[in-house]
Amino acid sequence: MINRFFLLILFFIVSASVQSQILKDADSLRKNNESISVMQIADSLFIDRNIKNYSLRLFSNYKVKKFSIRNDDSKLKYVPNNKYGIGFGFASSKVLIDIAFNLKTNKEDVTNRFDAQGTLIAGKNHYVNGFVQTYKGFNIKNDFNEPTEFRSDIRSVTVGFNYLFTLSEIEFSYSLLKAGLAKRNKSVYITGGLGLFGVYDYFSADNDIMPENGELYFDEYAQIKRYNSAAVGVLGGFLSVFMLPKNFIASCNIMPGIALMNKHIEIQDDTYKPLKPMLYKLDYTLALGYNAKRYYLTLIYNDGFYATNLDHGNKYTFNLSKAKLAFGYKLGVNKK
C-alpha cells in the first residue's frame, strides 16, 4: 500500500506538470492559429527540433535523509549508508532525464532506499518542489563515546511539498541552467514570494530507536518505537540567479517556513502527543554552472532543515539533503 501511495503521488506530480505545459503551449498556439490539434500540442510539448539544444550527461549525486534526537546534554544522529550514486542522462530545452545507480559502498550494512525529488516552475509565478523518501537501515551516532551502531530495523518515511507564489514573474528557467542552455538577457534575476508547504514524517523500530546504553542518557519519552507526524504551514522566500564573468552562472534560493504539526509518539509502554505543535524549517539551494560552447558543468546543492519539540526536554530535527555534479556534452555544435 505504501509503495502504491508513493507511485500515485509521483503520477500526480508528473501529470500536473504535463497538464500545465500543455495548457501553456495550447494558449500559444491559439494566438497564431484558429484551430489546434492534439498532435500540434504534443509536438510543441515534447519535441525540440534544434539539435543544438540537446546534450548527453554524466553525473554523480548525493542524497540523504538523516534525523537526530537530543536533550540538553546528549545527542543521537541517525544516518543511512549508501548515500552516493552515479548516472547518465540527456537534456534538451523541454526535458531533462537523469538515471542514477546507487553505489553500495557498504555491502554488509545496507540501507534500502527509495528517494525521488523534483522541482517544477509552472507558468510565470508558481514554483513547486516535491519529494518522496523511504529508508530502512540507519547508523546511530552519538556524542557520549559509545560505538556507532547500525540498525537494519529502523525505517523512515518522508513525503512533502513546497509551493511558492512569486510576486513578480520568474524570468529564469532553472531547468535551462541544469541543461546548459541559460541565456544572458540580464546580469541578475531576483524574485520573491509567499506560499505553503506540507510534510508527513514517520520513523519506527522493532523495539525502540535507542542504541545500547542510550537509556542512560535519555529519559523514557525518548525511547520511541513509532513516531507519526503531519504538518501544514506557510513559507516565504526568494529565487535568484547571477550571470558571472567567464561564462559562469550562480544561483541561490532560500525558503524559511513555519507550520503547525500534529505529532503522535509510541514509546515502550505508552503513547503520548507532544503539546508543542510548532515546526520550523529552512530550505536553501546553491548552484554554480559553467557553460562553454561544446560542454557545460553544473554543481547543485540543496538542504532542507526541519526542527520540532517532542516535549520532556527532547528535540527532534531532520535534514533532507542532495547534491549533484553533472558534465554535459552538447550535440550538434561545430567545433570551430
Protein backbone atom coordinates (compact mmCIF):
# COMPACT_ATOMS: atom_id res chain seq x y z
CA MET A 1 0.00 0.00 0.00
CA ILE A 2 2.81 2.43 0.86
CA ASN A 3 4.56 1.86 -2.49
CA ARG A 4 1.28 2.35 -4.36
CA PHE A 5 0.71 5.59 -2.43
CA PHE A 6 4.14 6.89 -3.46
CA LEU A 7 3.58 5.96 -7.11
CA LEU A 8 0.22 7.75 -7.05
CA ILE A 9 1.87 10.92 -5.71
CA LEU A 10 4.58 10.79 -8.36
CA PHE A 11 1.97 10.22 -11.09
CA PHE A 12 0.02 13.24 -9.83
CA ILE A 13 3.13 15.46 -9.84
CA VAL A 14 4.11 14.40 -13.36
CA SER A 15 0.53 14.76 -14.61
CA ALA A 16 0.23 18.24 -13.14
CA SER A 17 3.50 19.25 -14.78
CA VAL A 18 2.47 17.94 -18.19
CA GLN A 19 -1.01 19.46 -17.96
CA SER A 20 0.42 22.86 -17.04
CA GLN A 21 2.78 22.80 -20.01
CA ILE A 22 0.05 21.60 -22.40
CA LEU A 23 -2.23 24.46 -21.39
CA LYS A 24 0.61 26.93 -21.80
CA ASP A 25 1.53 25.63 -25.24
CA ALA A 26 -2.08 25.39 -26.31
CA ASP A 27 -2.60 29.05 -25.42
CA SER A 28 0.46 29.98 -27.50
CA LEU A 29 -0.87 28.04 -30.47
CA ARG A 30 -4.30 29.67 -30.22
CA LYS A 31 -2.71 33.10 -30.63
CA ASN A 32 -1.37 32.10 -34.05
CA ASN A 33 -3.87 29.55 -35.37
CA GLU A 34 -7.62 29.23 -35.47
CA SER A 35 -7.59 25.53 -34.65
CA ILE A 36 -5.30 23.25 -32.65
CA SER A 37 -4.78 19.52 -32.88
CA VAL A 38 -3.56 17.17 -30.17
CA MET A 39 -0.53 16.39 -32.35
CA GLN A 40 0.36 20.09 -32.50
CA ILE A 41 0.28 20.34 -28.71
CA ALA A 42 2.30 17.13 -28.26
CA ASP A 43 4.83 18.34 -30.82
CA SER A 44 5.19 21.67 -29.01
CA LEU A 45 5.47 19.97 -25.63
CA PHE A 46 7.92 17.13 -26.27
CA ILE A 47 9.83 17.83 -29.49
CA ASP A 48 12.66 20.31 -29.73
CA ARG A 49 13.78 20.16 -33.36
CA ASN A 50 17.01 22.08 -32.78
CA ILE A 51 19.76 19.52 -32.21
CA LYS A 52 21.92 22.26 -30.66
CA ASN A 53 19.60 22.25 -27.62
CA TYR A 54 20.38 18.60 -26.85
CA SER A 55 23.17 17.24 -24.67
CA LEU A 56 24.34 13.97 -23.16
CA ARG A 57 25.08 13.99 -19.42
CA LEU A 58 27.21 12.13 -16.90
CA PHE A 59 26.81 12.89 -13.20
CA SER A 60 27.47 11.87 -9.63
CA ASN A 61 24.96 12.58 -6.88
CA TYR A 62 24.43 12.51 -3.14
CA LYS A 63 21.03 12.05 -1.48
CA VAL A 64 20.29 11.51 2.20
CA LYS A 65 17.57 11.83 4.83
CA LYS A 66 19.06 11.91 8.34
CA PHE A 67 17.48 12.78 11.67
CA SER A 68 18.53 13.40 15.26
CA ILE A 69 17.14 13.44 18.81
CA ARG A 70 18.78 15.49 21.53
CA ASN A 71 18.27 16.84 25.01
CA ASP A 72 20.29 19.41 26.94
CA ASP A 73 23.19 17.01 27.48
CA SER A 74 23.29 14.39 24.71
CA LYS A 75 22.58 13.89 21.02
CA LEU A 76 21.84 10.91 18.76
CA LYS A 77 22.21 11.08 14.98
CA TYR A 78 20.60 8.56 12.60
CA VAL A 79 22.47 8.44 9.29
CA PRO A 80 21.89 5.98 6.40
CA ASN A 81 24.57 4.24 4.35
CA ASN A 82 24.91 4.21 0.55
CA LYS A 83 24.38 7.93 0.06
CA TYR A 84 26.15 8.25 -3.29
CA GLY A 85 25.26 7.42 -6.87
CA ILE A 86 26.41 7.82 -10.47
CA GLY A 87 24.39 8.03 -13.63
CA PHE A 88 23.80 9.30 -17.12
CA GLY A 89 21.06 11.11 -18.99
CA PHE A 90 20.17 13.62 -21.64
CA ALA A 91 18.75 17.13 -21.67
CA SER A 92 17.01 19.49 -24.05
CA SER A 93 15.16 22.79 -23.77
CA LYS A 94 11.97 20.83 -22.97
CA VAL A 95 13.03 17.90 -20.79
CA LEU A 96 15.87 16.64 -18.61
CA ILE A 97 16.08 12.93 -17.75
CA ASP A 98 18.78 11.53 -15.43
CA ILE A 99 19.06 7.85 -14.48
CA ALA A 100 21.08 7.18 -11.32
CA PHE A 101 22.51 3.99 -9.83
CA ASN A 102 23.07 3.86 -6.09
CA LEU A 103 26.61 2.90 -5.07
CA LYS A 104 26.51 0.31 -2.29
CA THR A 105 29.91 1.07 -0.82
CA ASN A 106 28.90 -0.65 2.43
CA LYS A 107 27.66 -4.10 1.39
CA GLU A 108 27.27 -5.52 4.90
CA ASP A 109 25.15 -2.77 6.48
CA VAL A 110 22.92 -1.86 3.57
CA THR A 111 20.34 0.92 3.68
CA ASN A 112 17.38 0.09 1.44
CA ARG A 113 16.00 3.28 -0.01
CA PHE A 114 13.68 5.00 -2.45
CA ASP A 115 14.37 8.71 -2.92
CA ALA A 116 12.61 10.89 -5.52
CA GLN A 117 12.73 14.68 -5.60
CA GLY A 118 11.69 17.15 -8.28
CA THR A 119 11.18 20.85 -8.99
CA LEU A 120 8.71 22.47 -11.37
CA ILE A 121 8.19 26.07 -12.46
CA ALA A 122 4.58 26.27 -13.70
CA GLY A 123 3.51 29.34 -15.61
CA LYS A 124 5.37 32.52 -14.64
CA ASN A 125 4.69 32.75 -10.89
CA HIS A 126 4.46 29.21 -9.48
CA TYR A 127 7.46 27.36 -8.01
CA VAL A 128 6.68 23.80 -6.83
CA ASN A 129 9.01 21.27 -5.22
CA GLY A 130 8.07 17.75 -4.08
CA PHE A 131 9.81 14.75 -2.51
CA VAL A 132 9.09 11.14 -1.53
CA GLN A 133 11.65 9.24 0.57
CA THR A 134 11.69 5.85 2.26
CA TYR A 135 14.74 4.48 4.11
CA LYS A 136 15.36 1.28 6.05
CA GLY A 137 18.64 0.85 7.93
CA PHE A 138 20.45 3.60 9.86
CA ASN A 139 23.75 4.12 11.67
CA ILE A 140 23.26 5.52 15.18
CA LYS A 141 25.97 8.01 16.09
CA ASN A 142 26.27 9.66 19.49
CA ASP A 143 28.26 12.25 21.41
CA PHE A 144 28.71 10.21 24.59
CA ASN A 145 31.58 7.99 23.37
CA GLU A 146 29.58 4.82 22.66
CA PRO A 147 30.46 2.91 19.44
CA THR A 148 28.43 3.66 16.31
CA GLU A 149 25.74 1.03 15.82
CA PHE A 150 23.93 0.01 12.61
CA ARG A 151 20.26 -0.92 12.97
CA SER A 152 18.54 -2.55 9.99
CA ASP A 153 15.12 -2.39 11.70
CA ILE A 154 14.88 1.43 11.82
CA ARG A 155 12.75 2.74 8.98
CA SER A 156 11.79 6.24 7.89
CA VAL A 157 9.20 7.72 5.50
CA THR A 158 9.02 11.38 4.47
CA VAL A 159 6.65 12.93 1.92
CA GLY A 160 6.29 16.66 1.32
CA PHE A 161 5.93 19.65 -0.97
CA ASN A 162 6.81 23.36 -1.14
CA TYR A 163 4.78 25.88 -3.13
CA LEU A 164 5.89 29.48 -3.66
CA PHE A 165 3.84 32.11 -5.49
CA THR A 166 6.26 34.78 -6.63
CA LEU A 167 5.27 38.44 -6.51
CA SER A 168 7.00 39.08 -9.84
CA GLU A 169 7.36 36.78 -12.82
CA ILE A 170 10.00 34.06 -12.72
CA GLU A 171 12.16 35.22 -15.63
CA PHE A 172 14.76 32.46 -15.39
CA SER A 173 14.28 28.76 -16.07
CA TYR A 174 16.13 26.63 -13.51
CA SER A 175 15.87 23.70 -15.93
CA LEU A 176 17.82 25.61 -18.59
CA LEU A 177 20.63 26.19 -16.09
CA LYS A 178 20.79 22.44 -15.44
CA ALA A 179 20.76 21.72 -19.18
CA GLY A 180 23.50 24.25 -20.04
CA LEU A 181 21.10 26.43 -22.05
CA ALA A 182 20.86 29.53 -19.85
CA LYS A 183 20.52 32.81 -21.76
CA ARG A 184 22.25 36.02 -20.67
CA ASN A 185 19.47 38.56 -21.14
CA LYS A 186 20.19 40.22 -17.78
CA SER A 187 23.00 40.12 -15.22
CA VAL A 188 20.82 39.42 -12.17
CA TYR A 189 17.42 37.75 -11.74
CA ILE A 190 15.73 38.04 -8.34
CA THR A 191 12.14 37.34 -7.34
CA GLY A 192 10.45 36.54 -4.03
CA GLY A 193 7.09 35.41 -2.78
CA LEU A 194 4.89 33.62 -0.28
CA GLY A 195 3.44 30.14 -0.25
CA LEU A 196 2.57 26.93 1.55
CA PHE A 197 4.32 23.72 2.47
CA GLY A 198 3.29 20.37 3.85
CA VAL A 199 5.20 17.38 5.18
CA TYR A 200 4.42 13.91 6.53
CA ASP A 201 7.23 12.35 8.58
CA TYR A 202 7.42 8.89 10.16
CA PHE A 203 10.01 6.64 11.75
CA SER A 204 9.84 3.39 13.71
CA ALA A 205 11.86 0.45 15.05
CA ASP A 206 11.09 -3.09 16.21
CA ASN A 207 11.75 -2.21 19.85
CA ASP A 208 12.83 1.42 20.21
CA ILE A 209 15.37 3.60 18.46
CA MET A 210 17.75 3.91 21.42
CA PRO A 211 21.22 2.37 20.97
CA GLU A 212 22.86 0.22 23.59
CA ASN A 213 23.16 2.19 26.86
CA GLY A 214 21.11 5.01 25.34
CA GLU A 215 18.68 4.89 28.25
CA LEU A 216 21.50 6.14 30.47
CA TYR A 217 21.45 9.48 28.63
CA PHE A 218 17.78 9.88 27.64
CA ASP A 219 14.53 9.55 29.54
CA GLU A 220 11.74 7.10 28.71
CA TYR A 221 9.99 9.64 26.43
CA ALA A 222 12.91 9.49 24.00
CA GLN A 223 12.78 5.68 23.81
CA ILE A 224 10.49 5.84 20.79
CA LYS A 225 9.06 2.83 18.97
CA ARG A 226 6.97 4.78 16.46
CA TYR A 227 6.71 8.44 15.51
CA ASN A 228 3.96 9.84 13.24
CA SER A 229 3.58 13.48 12.27
CA ALA A 230 1.92 15.71 9.69
CA ALA A 231 2.27 19.47 9.22
CA VAL A 232 0.92 22.26 7.03
CA GLY A 233 2.33 25.76 7.17
CA VAL A 234 3.37 28.93 5.41
CA LEU A 235 6.69 29.84 3.84
CA GLY A 236 8.40 32.78 2.22
CA GLY A 237 11.48 33.01 0.12
CA PHE A 238 13.34 34.29 -2.86
CA LEU A 239 14.88 32.85 -6.04
CA SER A 240 17.96 34.42 -7.56
CA VAL A 241 20.36 33.85 -10.46
CA PHE A 242 23.59 35.78 -11.14
CA MET A 243 25.30 35.87 -14.54
CA LEU A 244 29.01 35.95 -13.70
CA PRO A 245 32.01 36.68 -15.96
CA LYS A 246 33.78 33.95 -17.94
CA ASN A 247 30.55 32.01 -18.65
CA PHE A 248 29.85 31.20 -15.00
CA ILE A 249 26.33 31.26 -13.55
CA ALA A 250 25.42 31.17 -9.84
CA SER A 251 22.06 30.66 -8.15
CA CYS A 252 20.79 30.93 -4.58
CA ASN A 253 17.28 30.09 -3.35
CA ILE A 254 16.20 30.42 0.30
CA MET A 255 12.78 29.44 1.73
CA PRO A 256 12.11 29.58 5.51
CA GLY A 257 8.76 28.37 6.87
CA ILE A 258 6.70 27.72 9.98
CA ALA A 259 3.88 25.21 10.47
CA LEU A 260 1.50 23.59 12.92
CA MET A 261 2.37 19.92 13.36
CA ASN A 262 0.26 17.08 14.70
CA LYS A 263 2.56 14.51 16.36
CA HIS A 264 1.84 11.09 17.83
CA ILE A 265 4.54 9.08 19.63
CA GLU A 266 4.52 5.46 20.81
CA ILE A 267 7.07 4.51 23.49
CA GLN A 268 7.59 1.15 25.19
CA ASP A 269 4.51 1.05 27.41
CA ASP A 270 2.56 4.18 26.48
CA THR A 271 1.68 6.74 23.81
CA TYR A 272 1.62 10.50 24.00
CA LYS A 273 1.07 13.58 21.85
CA PRO A 274 3.57 16.43 22.30
CA LEU A 275 1.82 19.65 23.29
CA LYS A 276 4.19 21.99 21.46
CA PRO A 277 2.89 21.97 17.87
CA MET A 278 5.34 24.22 16.04
CA LEU A 279 7.57 23.04 13.19
CA TYR A 280 10.31 25.30 11.85
CA LYS A 281 12.08 24.72 8.57
CA LEU A 282 14.67 26.25 6.25
CA ASP A 283 15.26 25.17 2.65
CA TYR A 284 18.09 26.51 0.55
CA THR A 285 19.67 25.72 -2.81
CA LEU A 286 23.11 26.78 -4.03
CA ALA A 287 24.17 26.22 -7.64
CA LEU A 288 27.17 27.03 -9.80
CA GLY A 289 27.36 26.40 -13.54
CA TYR A 290 29.92 26.83 -16.30
CA ASN A 291 28.67 26.98 -19.88
CA ALA A 292 31.13 26.51 -22.76
CA LYS A 293 30.48 26.03 -26.47
CA ARG A 294 30.78 22.25 -26.51
CA TYR A 295 30.07 21.31 -22.91
CA TYR A 296 28.79 22.53 -19.53
CA LEU A 297 29.33 21.77 -15.85
CA THR A 298 26.82 22.22 -13.03
CA LEU A 299 27.16 21.75 -9.28
CA ILE A 300 23.95 21.97 -7.25
CA TYR A 301 23.46 21.51 -3.50
CA ASN A 302 20.12 21.57 -1.69
CA ASP A 303 19.33 21.14 2.01
CA GLY A 304 16.06 21.21 3.92
CA PHE A 305 16.29 21.50 7.71
CA TYR A 306 13.21 20.80 9.91
CA ALA A 307 13.00 21.15 13.71
CA THR A 308 10.28 20.49 16.30
CA ASN A 309 9.89 19.79 20.02
CA LEU A 310 8.94 16.37 21.46
CA ASP A 311 8.33 17.74 24.98
CA HIS A 312 10.03 16.42 28.16
CA GLY A 313 13.25 18.19 27.15
CA ASN A 314 13.65 16.24 23.89
CA LYS A 315 14.03 17.90 20.48
CA TYR A 316 13.80 16.35 17.03
CA THR A 317 15.34 17.55 13.77
CA PHE A 318 15.73 16.07 10.31
CA ASN A 319 17.58 17.04 7.14
CA LEU A 320 16.78 16.31 3.50
CA SER A 321 19.98 16.89 1.53
CA LYS A 322 21.03 16.33 -2.06
CA ALA A 323 23.89 17.35 -4.34
CA LYS A 324 24.69 16.72 -7.99
CA LEU A 325 27.78 17.33 -10.11
CA ALA A 326 26.97 16.98 -13.82
CA PHE A 327 29.02 17.15 -17.02
CA GLY A 328 27.11 17.70 -20.25
CA TYR A 329 28.33 17.33 -23.83
CA LYS A 330 26.35 19.38 -26.35
CA LEU A 331 25.26 17.77 -29.60
CA GLY A 332 25.13 19.45 -32.97
CA VAL A 333 27.66 22.18 -32.12
CA ASN A 334 30.53 22.75 -34.53
CA LYS A 335 33.99 22.59 -33.05
CA LYS A 336 35.13 25.68 -34.94
